[in-house]
Amino acid sequence: MAKIIYFGTLLFLTFLLSVSGDAEVTCVFRESCLLPCQFQDGAQLVIHWIKVSIRDSVVHSYYGDKDQLEYQVQNFKNRTSLFKDQISKGNASLLLTGVTIEDAGRYKCYTSTVRGNEESFVNLKTEAPVSKVIIKEDENQIICSSEGIYPQPELSWSTIPPSNTPLNVTTTVQQNEDQLYSIRSSLVLEDDPDVTYSCTVRTQRNNMTSTYRKPETSRHERMSIGGPIAGAVVAVIIIIVTVFVCSKKNKLKSFFVLF
């Protein structure tokens, strides 16, 4: 019984050591990403990149001084490459292009030479950061939205000055076929026109904020009324001045005719 416990404990500690020794890489959706791997160079080199899962998947293979992609799984086709000019220097790092959300997982870099075999592991995480937050007014509501995000984002509202009552907010989150999230939230406008609204969309990695201030309707109304009145007053003054000047000219003409 003691031997079984010891063996189980040893396996557990070995597992912890392998996990803690993994490299951590975060890759951005649809961009390129580097999975690092170093080895001790030697003759008869073999390189295998494997995605570790219940059924391991061949990501990229290299031996016989060239890529060997016969057994590469379909979803990695035309998306992987090694740095050929760096292999002789012990660099077996993998370049992965067009990163997808499904690429997330644990990868093994296996190398073999006449000097022996080596293994290292990389934990790949994927993200699609918040890139744009749209905020607009729709009747008596403000709509805040953002899309193309991973992992699932959070959305929060704030006001300046702070509101004395809870904001009337409705928020929905959806996920598309690429596993990217979109988020949309509506907020009922308050009667006070001097309130500035801020909408923040965030993930664990980044956040963005957009603000909205309700137009001052009363000011616009005053301007729309005051403009025509001012124009009318100016027109009346011009007419009065014109009549006055004309009457003066007529009187002078009459005076010279008499003499």
C-alpha atoms as a PDB file:
ATOM      1  CA  MET A   1       0.000   0.000   0.000  1.00  0.00           C
ATOM      2  CA  ALA A   2       2.855   2.363   0.902  1.00  0.00           C
ATOM      3  CA  LYS A   3       4.503   1.636  -2.469  1.00  0.00           C
ATOM      4  CA  ILE A   4       1.285   2.506  -4.309  1.00  0.00           C
ATOM      5  CA  ILE A   5       0.952   5.812  -2.422  1.00  0.00           C
ATOM      6  CA  TYR A   6       4.611   6.616  -3.099  1.00  0.00           C
ATOM      7  CA  PHE A   7       4.265   5.813  -6.799  1.00  0.00           C
ATOM      8  CA  GLY A   8       1.084   7.935  -7.070  1.00  0.00           C
ATOM      9  CA  THR A   9       2.758  10.861  -5.292  1.00  0.00           C
ATOM     10  CA  LEU A  10       5.773  10.588  -7.609  1.00  0.00           C
ATOM     11  CA  LEU A  11       3.557  10.674 -10.674  1.00  0.00           C
ATOM     12  CA  PHE A  12       1.700  13.724  -9.308  1.00  0.00           C
ATOM     13  CA  LEU A  13       4.933  15.614  -8.607  1.00  0.00           C
ATOM     14  CA  THR A  14       6.252  14.714 -12.072  1.00  0.00           C
ATOM     15  CA  PHE A  15       3.038  16.082 -13.599  1.00  0.00           C
ATOM     16  CA  LEU A  16       3.348  19.332 -11.627  1.00  0.00           C
ATOM     17  CA  LEU A  17       6.964  19.726 -12.707  1.00  0.00           C
ATOM     18  CA  SER A  18       6.130  19.233 -16.386  1.00  0.00           C
ATOM     19  CA  VAL A  19       3.237  21.708 -16.243  1.00  0.00           C
ATOM     20  CA  SER A  20       5.183  24.331 -14.290  1.00  0.00           C
ATOM     21  CA  GLY A  21       8.033  24.056 -16.816  1.00  0.00           C
ATOM     22  CA  ASP A  22       5.791  24.817 -19.809  1.00  0.00           C
ATOM     23  CA  ALA A  23       6.351  28.001 -21.754  1.00  0.00           C
ATOM     24  CA  GLU A  24       3.316  30.301 -21.856  1.00  0.00           C
ATOM     25  CA  VAL A  25       2.398  31.989 -25.149  1.00  0.00           C
ATOM     26  CA  THR A  26      -0.609  34.204 -25.876  1.00  0.00           C
ATOM     27  CA  CYS A  27      -1.555  34.500 -29.549  1.00  0.00           C
ATOM     28  CA  VAL A  28      -3.877  37.040 -31.149  1.00  0.00           C
ATOM     29  CA  PHE A  29      -6.737  35.851 -33.346  1.00  0.00           C
ATOM     30  CA  ARG A  30      -5.879  35.815 -37.086  1.00  0.00           C
ATOM     31  CA  GLU A  31      -2.301  36.956 -36.461  1.00  0.00           C
ATOM     32  CA  SER A  32       0.992  35.012 -36.434  1.00  0.00           C
ATOM     33  CA  CYS A  33       2.449  33.460 -33.315  1.00  0.00           C
ATOM     34  CA  LEU A  34       5.809  31.973 -32.320  1.00  0.00           C
ATOM     35  CA  LEU A  35       6.057  28.751 -30.295  1.00  0.00           C
ATOM     36  CA  PRO A  36       9.601  28.595 -28.885  1.00  0.00           C
ATOM     37  CA  CYS A  37      11.770  25.469 -28.829  1.00  0.00           C
ATOM     38  CA  GLN A  38      15.517  25.075 -28.328  1.00  0.00           C
ATOM     39  CA  PHE A  39      17.570  21.882 -28.549  1.00  0.00           C
ATOM     40  CA  GLN A  40      21.176  20.626 -28.597  1.00  0.00           C
ATOM     41  CA  ASP A  41      22.137  20.401 -32.257  1.00  0.00           C
ATOM     42  CA  GLY A  42      23.450  17.167 -33.720  1.00  0.00           C
ATOM     43  CA  ALA A  43      23.349  14.878 -36.742  1.00  0.00           C
ATOM     44  CA  GLN A  44      20.286  12.907 -37.895  1.00  0.00           C
ATOM     45  CA  LEU A  45      17.922  15.571 -36.630  1.00  0.00           C
ATOM     46  CA  VAL A  46      14.212  14.846 -36.238  1.00  0.00           C
ATOM     47  CA  ILE A  47      11.700  17.514 -35.162  1.00  0.00           C
ATOM     48  CA  HIS A  48       8.060  16.836 -34.333  1.00  0.00           C
ATOM     49  CA  TRP A  49       5.573  19.444 -33.142  1.00  0.00           C
ATOM     50  CA  ILE A  50       2.539  17.753 -31.573  1.00  0.00           C
ATOM     51  CA  LYS A  51      -0.675  19.244 -30.175  1.00  0.00           C
ATOM     52  CA  VAL A  52      -1.256  17.299 -26.989  1.00  0.00           C
ATOM     53  CA  SER A  53      -4.813  16.014 -26.473  1.00  0.00           C
ATOM     54  CA  ILE A  54      -6.699  12.769 -25.995  1.00  0.00           C
ATOM     55  CA  ARG A  55      -5.623  11.978 -29.535  1.00  0.00           C
ATOM     56  CA  ASP A  56      -2.341  13.768 -30.273  1.00  0.00           C
ATOM     57  CA  SER A  57      -2.261  15.748 -33.541  1.00  0.00           C
ATOM     58  CA  VAL A  58       0.796  16.193 -35.748  1.00  0.00           C
ATOM     59  CA  VAL A  59       1.310  19.926 -36.271  1.00  0.00           C
ATOM     60  CA  HIS A  60       4.645  19.894 -38.107  1.00  0.00           C
ATOM     61  CA  SER A  61       7.435  17.392 -38.773  1.00  0.00           C
ATOM     62  CA  TYR A  62      10.980  17.828 -40.053  1.00  0.00           C
ATOM     63  CA  TYR A  63      13.573  15.144 -40.809  1.00  0.00           C
ATOM     64  CA  GLY A  64      15.883  14.200 -43.655  1.00  0.00           C
ATOM     65  CA  ASP A  65      16.787  17.917 -43.845  1.00  0.00           C
ATOM     66  CA  LYS A  66      13.288  18.912 -45.028  1.00  0.00           C
ATOM     67  CA  ASP A  67       9.681  19.356 -43.906  1.00  0.00           C
ATOM     68  CA  GLN A  68       7.652  16.135 -43.741  1.00  0.00           C
ATOM     69  CA  LEU A  69       3.974  17.086 -43.744  1.00  0.00           C
ATOM     70  CA  GLU A  70       2.324  13.865 -44.868  1.00  0.00           C
ATOM     71  CA  TYR A  71       0.743  13.281 -41.441  1.00  0.00           C
ATOM     72  CA  GLN A  72       0.005  16.925 -40.609  1.00  0.00           C
ATOM     73  CA  VAL A  73      -3.626  17.402 -39.484  1.00  0.00           C
ATOM     74  CA  GLN A  74      -5.853  19.353 -41.852  1.00  0.00           C
ATOM     75  CA  ASN A  75      -6.493  22.435 -39.720  1.00  0.00           C
ATOM     76  CA  PHE A  76      -2.754  23.228 -39.657  1.00  0.00           C
ATOM     77  CA  LYS A  77      -2.230  22.914 -43.423  1.00  0.00           C
ATOM     78  CA  ASN A  78      -0.279  25.861 -44.911  1.00  0.00           C
ATOM     79  CA  ARG A  79      -0.093  27.529 -41.505  1.00  0.00           C
ATOM     80  CA  THR A  80       3.166  26.239 -40.000  1.00  0.00           C
ATOM     81  CA  SER A  81       6.853  26.731 -40.716  1.00  0.00           C
ATOM     82  CA  LEU A  82      10.266  26.382 -39.084  1.00  0.00           C
ATOM     83  CA  PHE A  83      13.143  28.838 -39.284  1.00  0.00           C
ATOM     84  CA  LYS A  84      15.394  26.791 -41.572  1.00  0.00           C
ATOM     85  CA  ASP A  85      18.407  29.085 -41.191  1.00  0.00           C
ATOM     86  CA  GLN A  86      18.186  28.703 -37.397  1.00  0.00           C
ATOM     87  CA  ILE A  87      17.832  24.924 -37.105  1.00  0.00           C
ATOM     88  CA  SER A  88      21.617  24.331 -37.203  1.00  0.00           C
ATOM     89  CA  LYS A  89      21.865  26.699 -34.221  1.00  0.00           C
ATOM     90  CA  GLY A  90      19.501  24.578 -32.142  1.00  0.00           C
ATOM     91  CA  ASN A  91      16.325  26.557 -32.840  1.00  0.00           C
ATOM     92  CA  ALA A  92      13.243  24.448 -33.596  1.00  0.00           C
ATOM     93  CA  SER A  93      10.703  27.198 -32.905  1.00  0.00           C
ATOM     94  CA  LEU A  94       7.444  26.987 -34.850  1.00  0.00           C
ATOM     95  CA  LEU A  95       5.719  29.884 -36.589  1.00  0.00           C
ATOM     96  CA  LEU A  96       1.935  29.498 -36.621  1.00  0.00           C
ATOM     97  CA  THR A  97      -0.037  31.864 -38.877  1.00  0.00           C
ATOM     98  CA  GLY A  98      -3.723  32.762 -39.018  1.00  0.00           C
ATOM     99  CA  VAL A  99      -4.300  31.863 -35.378  1.00  0.00           C
ATOM    100  CA  THR A 100      -7.774  30.563 -34.542  1.00  0.00           C
ATOM    101  CA  ILE A 101      -9.491  30.212 -31.185  1.00  0.00           C
ATOM    102  CA  GLU A 102      -9.333  26.401 -31.589  1.00  0.00           C
ATOM    103  CA  ASP A 103      -5.515  26.574 -31.683  1.00  0.00           C
ATOM    104  CA  ALA A 104      -5.455  27.051 -27.916  1.00  0.00           C
ATOM    105  CA  GLY A 105      -3.918  24.117 -26.054  1.00  0.00           C
ATOM    106  CA  ARG A 106      -0.718  22.375 -25.050  1.00  0.00           C
ATOM    107  CA  TYR A 107       1.987  21.699 -27.653  1.00  0.00           C
ATOM    108  CA  LYS A 108       5.002  19.399 -27.463  1.00  0.00           C
ATOM    109  CA  CYS A 109       8.263  20.026 -29.275  1.00  0.00           C
ATOM    110  CA  TYR A 110      10.126  16.739 -29.703  1.00  0.00           C
ATOM    111  CA  THR A 111      13.682  16.698 -31.074  1.00  0.00           C
ATOM    112  CA  SER A 112      16.004  13.765 -31.658  1.00  0.00           C
ATOM    113  CA  THR A 113      19.656  13.636 -32.746  1.00  0.00           C
ATOM    114  CA  VAL A 114      22.528  11.217 -32.317  1.00  0.00           C
ATOM    115  CA  ARG A 115      23.074  12.944 -28.972  1.00  0.00           C
ATOM    116  CA  GLY A 116      19.680  11.919 -27.663  1.00  0.00           C
ATOM    117  CA  ASN A 117      16.052  13.038 -27.421  1.00  0.00           C
ATOM    118  CA  GLU A 118      14.565  16.211 -25.935  1.00  0.00           C
ATOM    119  CA  GLU A 119      11.036  17.372 -25.190  1.00  0.00           C
ATOM    120  CA  SER A 120       9.637  20.756 -24.236  1.00  0.00           C
ATOM    121  CA  PHE A 121       6.076  22.033 -23.923  1.00  0.00           C
ATOM    122  CA  VAL A 122       4.252  25.250 -24.783  1.00  0.00           C
ATOM    123  CA  ASN A 123       0.860  26.304 -23.467  1.00  0.00           C
ATOM    124  CA  LEU A 124      -0.829  28.386 -26.153  1.00  0.00           C
ATOM    125  CA  LYS A 125      -3.642  30.754 -25.235  1.00  0.00           C
ATOM    126  CA  THR A 126      -5.662  32.703 -27.780  1.00  0.00           C
ATOM    127  CA  GLU A 127      -7.305  36.094 -27.540  1.00  0.00           C
ATOM    128  CA  ALA A 128      -9.101  38.670 -29.636  1.00  0.00           C
ATOM    129  CA  PRO A 129      -8.738  41.969 -27.757  1.00  0.00           C
ATOM    130  CA  VAL A 130     -11.342  44.717 -27.629  1.00  0.00           C
ATOM    131  CA  SER A 131     -10.590  46.915 -30.640  1.00  0.00           C
ATOM    132  CA  LYS A 132     -13.601  49.231 -30.890  1.00  0.00           C
ATOM    133  CA  VAL A 133     -16.525  50.353 -28.741  1.00  0.00           C
ATOM    134  CA  ILE A 134     -19.481  52.044 -30.451  1.00  0.00           C
ATOM    135  CA  ILE A 135     -21.863  54.237 -28.467  1.00  0.00           C
ATOM    136  CA  LYS A 136     -24.895  56.042 -29.871  1.00  0.00           C
ATOM    137  CA  GLU A 137     -28.341  57.401 -28.928  1.00  0.00           C
ATOM    138  CA  ASP A 138     -31.500  55.625 -30.042  1.00  0.00           C
ATOM    139  CA  GLU A 139     -34.681  57.493 -29.010  1.00  0.00           C
ATOM    140  CA  ASN A 140     -34.601  57.575 -25.195  1.00  0.00           C
ATOM    141  CA  GLN A 141     -31.736  55.042 -24.899  1.00  0.00           C
ATOM    142  CA  ILE A 142     -27.983  54.867 -25.349  1.00  0.00           C
ATOM    143  CA  ILE A 143     -26.672  51.777 -27.124  1.00  0.00           C
ATOM    144  CA  CYS A 144     -23.120  50.545 -26.467  1.00  0.00           C
ATOM    145  CA  SER A 145     -21.693  47.630 -28.481  1.00  0.00           C
ATOM    146  CA  SER A 146     -18.491  45.823 -29.411  1.00  0.00           C
ATOM    147  CA  GLU A 147     -17.714  42.639 -31.346  1.00  0.00           C
ATOM    148  CA  GLY A 148     -14.987  40.187 -32.384  1.00  0.00           C
ATOM    149  CA  ILE A 149     -13.743  39.599 -28.823  1.00  0.00           C
ATOM    150  CA  TYR A 150     -12.274  36.580 -27.010  1.00  0.00           C
ATOM    151  CA  PRO A 151     -12.498  35.485 -24.228  1.00  0.00           C
ATOM    152  CA  GLN A 152     -15.983  36.583 -23.149  1.00  0.00           C
ATOM    153  CA  PRO A 153     -15.941  40.320 -22.330  1.00  0.00           C
ATOM    154  CA  GLU A 154     -17.629  42.316 -19.598  1.00  0.00           C
ATOM    155  CA  LEU A 155     -19.401  45.661 -20.042  1.00  0.00           C
ATOM    156  CA  SER A 156     -19.953  48.382 -17.456  1.00  0.00           C
ATOM    157  CA  TRP A 157     -21.549  51.841 -17.391  1.00  0.00           C
ATOM    158  CA  SER A 158     -20.667  54.946 -15.387  1.00  0.00           C
ATOM    159  CA  THR A 159     -21.819  58.561 -15.328  1.00  0.00           C
ATOM    160  CA  ILE A 160     -20.362  61.957 -14.508  1.00  0.00           C
ATOM    161  CA  PRO A 161     -21.669  63.141 -12.116  1.00  0.00           C
ATOM    162  CA  PRO A 162     -22.393  59.756 -10.506  1.00  0.00           C
ATOM    163  CA  SER A 163     -26.036  58.692 -10.576  1.00  0.00           C
ATOM    164  CA  ASN A 164     -27.952  58.580  -7.292  1.00  0.00           C
ATOM    165  CA  THR A 165     -30.114  55.708  -8.548  1.00  0.00           C
ATOM    166  CA  PRO A 166     -29.223  52.382 -10.226  1.00  0.00           C
ATOM    167  CA  LEU A 167     -28.880  52.711 -13.985  1.00  0.00           C
ATOM    168  CA  ASN A 168     -31.546  50.964 -16.059  1.00  0.00           C
ATOM    169  CA  VAL A 169     -29.320  48.671 -18.148  1.00  0.00           C
ATOM    170  CA  THR A 170     -29.964  45.641 -20.383  1.00  0.00           C
ATOM    171  CA  THR A 171     -26.942  43.661 -21.668  1.00  0.00           C
ATOM    172  CA  THR A 172     -26.722  40.685 -24.046  1.00  0.00           C
ATOM    173  CA  VAL A 173     -23.748  38.563 -25.172  1.00  0.00           C
ATOM    174  CA  GLN A 174     -23.563  36.355 -28.260  1.00  0.00           C
ATOM    175  CA  GLN A 175     -20.905  34.023 -29.719  1.00  0.00           C
ATOM    176  CA  ASN A 176     -20.393  33.355 -33.442  1.00  0.00           C
ATOM    177  CA  GLU A 177     -19.067  30.319 -35.329  1.00  0.00           C
ATOM    178  CA  ASP A 178     -15.464  31.509 -34.849  1.00  0.00           C
ATOM    179  CA  GLN A 179     -16.130  31.470 -31.077  1.00  0.00           C
ATOM    180  CA  LEU A 180     -15.762  35.266 -30.968  1.00  0.00           C
ATOM    181  CA  TYR A 181     -18.054  37.260 -28.703  1.00  0.00           C
ATOM    182  CA  SER A 182     -20.171  40.327 -29.378  1.00  0.00           C
ATOM    183  CA  ILE A 183     -21.696  42.343 -26.563  1.00  0.00           C
ATOM    184  CA  ARG A 184     -24.503  44.917 -26.612  1.00  0.00           C
ATOM    185  CA  SER A 185     -25.957  47.010 -23.823  1.00  0.00           C
ATOM    186  CA  SER A 186     -28.734  49.606 -23.678  1.00  0.00           C
ATOM    187  CA  LEU A 187     -29.221  52.247 -21.005  1.00  0.00           C
ATOM    188  CA  VAL A 188     -32.273  54.459 -20.443  1.00  0.00           C
ATOM    189  CA  LEU A 189     -31.328  58.143 -20.586  1.00  0.00           C
ATOM    190  CA  GLU A 190     -31.815  60.314 -17.533  1.00  0.00           C
ATOM    191  CA  ASP A 191     -33.669  63.625 -17.724  1.00  0.00           C
ATOM    192  CA  ASP A 192     -30.611  65.650 -16.747  1.00  0.00           C
ATOM    193  CA  PRO A 193     -28.936  66.870 -19.995  1.00  0.00           C
ATOM    194  CA  ASP A 194     -25.642  67.578 -18.211  1.00  0.00           C
ATOM    195  CA  VAL A 195     -24.797  63.903 -17.600  1.00  0.00           C
ATOM    196  CA  THR A 196     -21.845  62.271 -19.404  1.00  0.00           C
ATOM    197  CA  TYR A 197     -22.192  58.503 -19.949  1.00  0.00           C
ATOM    198  CA  SER A 198     -19.203  56.144 -20.220  1.00  0.00           C
ATOM    199  CA  CYS A 199     -19.319  52.573 -21.508  1.00  0.00           C
ATOM    200  CA  THR A 200     -16.333  50.268 -20.889  1.00  0.00           C
ATOM    201  CA  VAL A 201     -15.825  46.858 -22.519  1.00  0.00           C
ATOM    202  CA  ARG A 202     -13.056  44.746 -20.973  1.00  0.00           C
ATOM    203  CA  THR A 203     -11.382  41.356 -21.008  1.00  0.00           C
ATOM    204  CA  GLN A 204      -8.581  40.060 -18.803  1.00  0.00           C
ATOM    205  CA  ARG A 205      -6.037  41.522 -21.234  1.00  0.00           C
ATOM    206  CA  ASN A 206      -7.380  44.946 -22.257  1.00  0.00           C
ATOM    207  CA  ASN A 207     -10.292  47.364 -22.178  1.00  0.00           C
ATOM    208  CA  MET A 208     -11.717  50.298 -24.141  1.00  0.00           C
ATOM    209  CA  THR A 209     -14.109  53.095 -23.172  1.00  0.00           C
ATOM    210  CA  SER A 210     -16.435  55.328 -25.189  1.00  0.00           C
ATOM    211  CA  THR A 211     -18.353  58.325 -23.829  1.00  0.00           C
ATOM    212  CA  TYR A 212     -21.592  60.073 -24.750  1.00  0.00           C
ATOM    213  CA  ARG A 213     -23.089  63.422 -23.701  1.00  0.00           C
ATOM    214  CA  LYS A 214     -26.672  64.265 -24.506  1.00  0.00           C
ATOM    215  CA  PRO A 215     -26.998  67.364 -26.755  1.00  0.00           C
ATOM    216  CA  GLU A 216     -28.258  70.454 -24.921  1.00  0.00           C
ATOM    217  CA  THR A 217     -31.666  70.765 -26.584  1.00  0.00           C
ATOM    218  CA  SER A 218     -32.610  73.959 -24.786  1.00  0.00           C
ATOM    219  CA  ARG A 219     -29.490  75.707 -26.045  1.00  0.00           C
ATOM    220  CA  HIS A 220     -30.194  74.652 -29.603  1.00  0.00           C
ATOM    221  CA  GLU A 221     -33.773  75.837 -29.268  1.00  0.00           C
ATOM    222  CA  ARG A 222     -32.634  79.235 -27.998  1.00  0.00           C
ATOM    223  CA  MET A 223     -30.228  79.522 -30.879  1.00  0.00           C
ATOM    224  CA  SER A 224     -32.878  78.513 -33.405  1.00  0.00           C
ATOM    225  CA  ILE A 225     -35.322  81.107 -32.012  1.00  0.00           C
ATOM    226  CA  GLY A 226     -32.785  83.817 -31.318  1.00  0.00           C
ATOM    227  CA  GLY A 227     -31.253  83.629 -34.782  1.00  0.00           C
ATOM    228  CA  PRO A 228     -34.355  84.743 -36.753  1.00  0.00           C
ATOM    229  CA  ILE A 229     -35.241  87.407 -34.142  1.00  0.00           C
ATOM    230  CA  ALA A 230     -31.778  88.923 -34.318  1.00  0.00           C
ATOM    231  CA  GLY A 231     -31.950  88.870 -38.108  1.00  0.00           C
ATOM    232  CA  ALA A 232     -35.325  90.617 -38.081  1.00  0.00           C
ATOM    233  CA  VAL A 233     -34.081  93.324 -35.714  1.00  0.00           C
ATOM    234  CA  VAL A 234     -31.069  94.001 -37.930  1.00  0.00           C
ATOM    235  CA  ALA A 235     -33.313  94.196 -40.992  1.00  0.00           C
ATOM    236  CA  VAL A 236     -35.630  96.713 -39.278  1.00  0.00           C
ATOM    237  CA  ILE A 237     -32.672  98.880 -38.261  1.00  0.00           C
ATOM    238  CA  ILE A 238     -31.343  98.849 -41.819  1.00  0.00           C
ATOM    239  CA  ILE A 239     -34.755  99.905 -43.171  1.00  0.00           C
ATOM    240  CA  ILE A 240     -35.070 102.741 -40.649  1.00  0.00           C
ATOM    241  CA  VAL A 241     -31.588 104.041 -41.428  1.00  0.00           C
ATOM    242  CA  THR A 242     -32.279 103.836 -45.164  1.00  0.00           C
ATOM    243  CA  VAL A 243     -35.554 105.783 -44.860  1.00  0.00           C
ATOM    244  CA  PHE A 244     -33.892 108.387 -42.684  1.00  0.00           C
ATOM    245  CA  VAL A 245     -31.030 108.914 -45.128  1.00  0.00           C
ATOM    246  CA  CYS A 246     -33.397 109.135 -48.105  1.00  0.00           C
ATOM    247  CA  SER A 247     -35.609 111.663 -46.376  1.00  0.00           C
ATOM    248  CA  LYS A 248     -32.566 113.805 -45.570  1.00  0.00           C
ATOM    249  CA  LYS A 249     -31.488 113.741 -49.210  1.00  0.00           C
ATOM    250  CA  ASN A 250     -34.970 114.808 -50.379  1.00  0.00           C
ATOM    251  CA  LYS A 251     -35.042 117.758 -47.969  1.00  0.00           C
ATOM    252  CA  LEU A 252     -31.643 118.951 -49.194  1.00  0.00           C
ATOM    253  CA  LYS A 253     -32.800 118.754 -52.825  1.00  0.00           C
ATOM    254  CA  SER A 254     -35.902 120.830 -52.003  1.00  0.00           C
ATOM    255  CA  PHE A 255     -33.760 123.434 -50.259  1.00  0.00           C
ATOM    256  CA  PHE A 256     -31.474 123.934 -53.268  1.00  0.00           C
ATOM    257  CA  VAL A 257     -34.433 124.170 -55.690  1.00  0.00           C
ATOM    258  CA  LEU A 258     -35.897 127.080 -53.696  1.00  0.00           C
ATOM    259  CA  PHE A 259     -32.663 128.998 -53.981  1.00  0.00           C
END
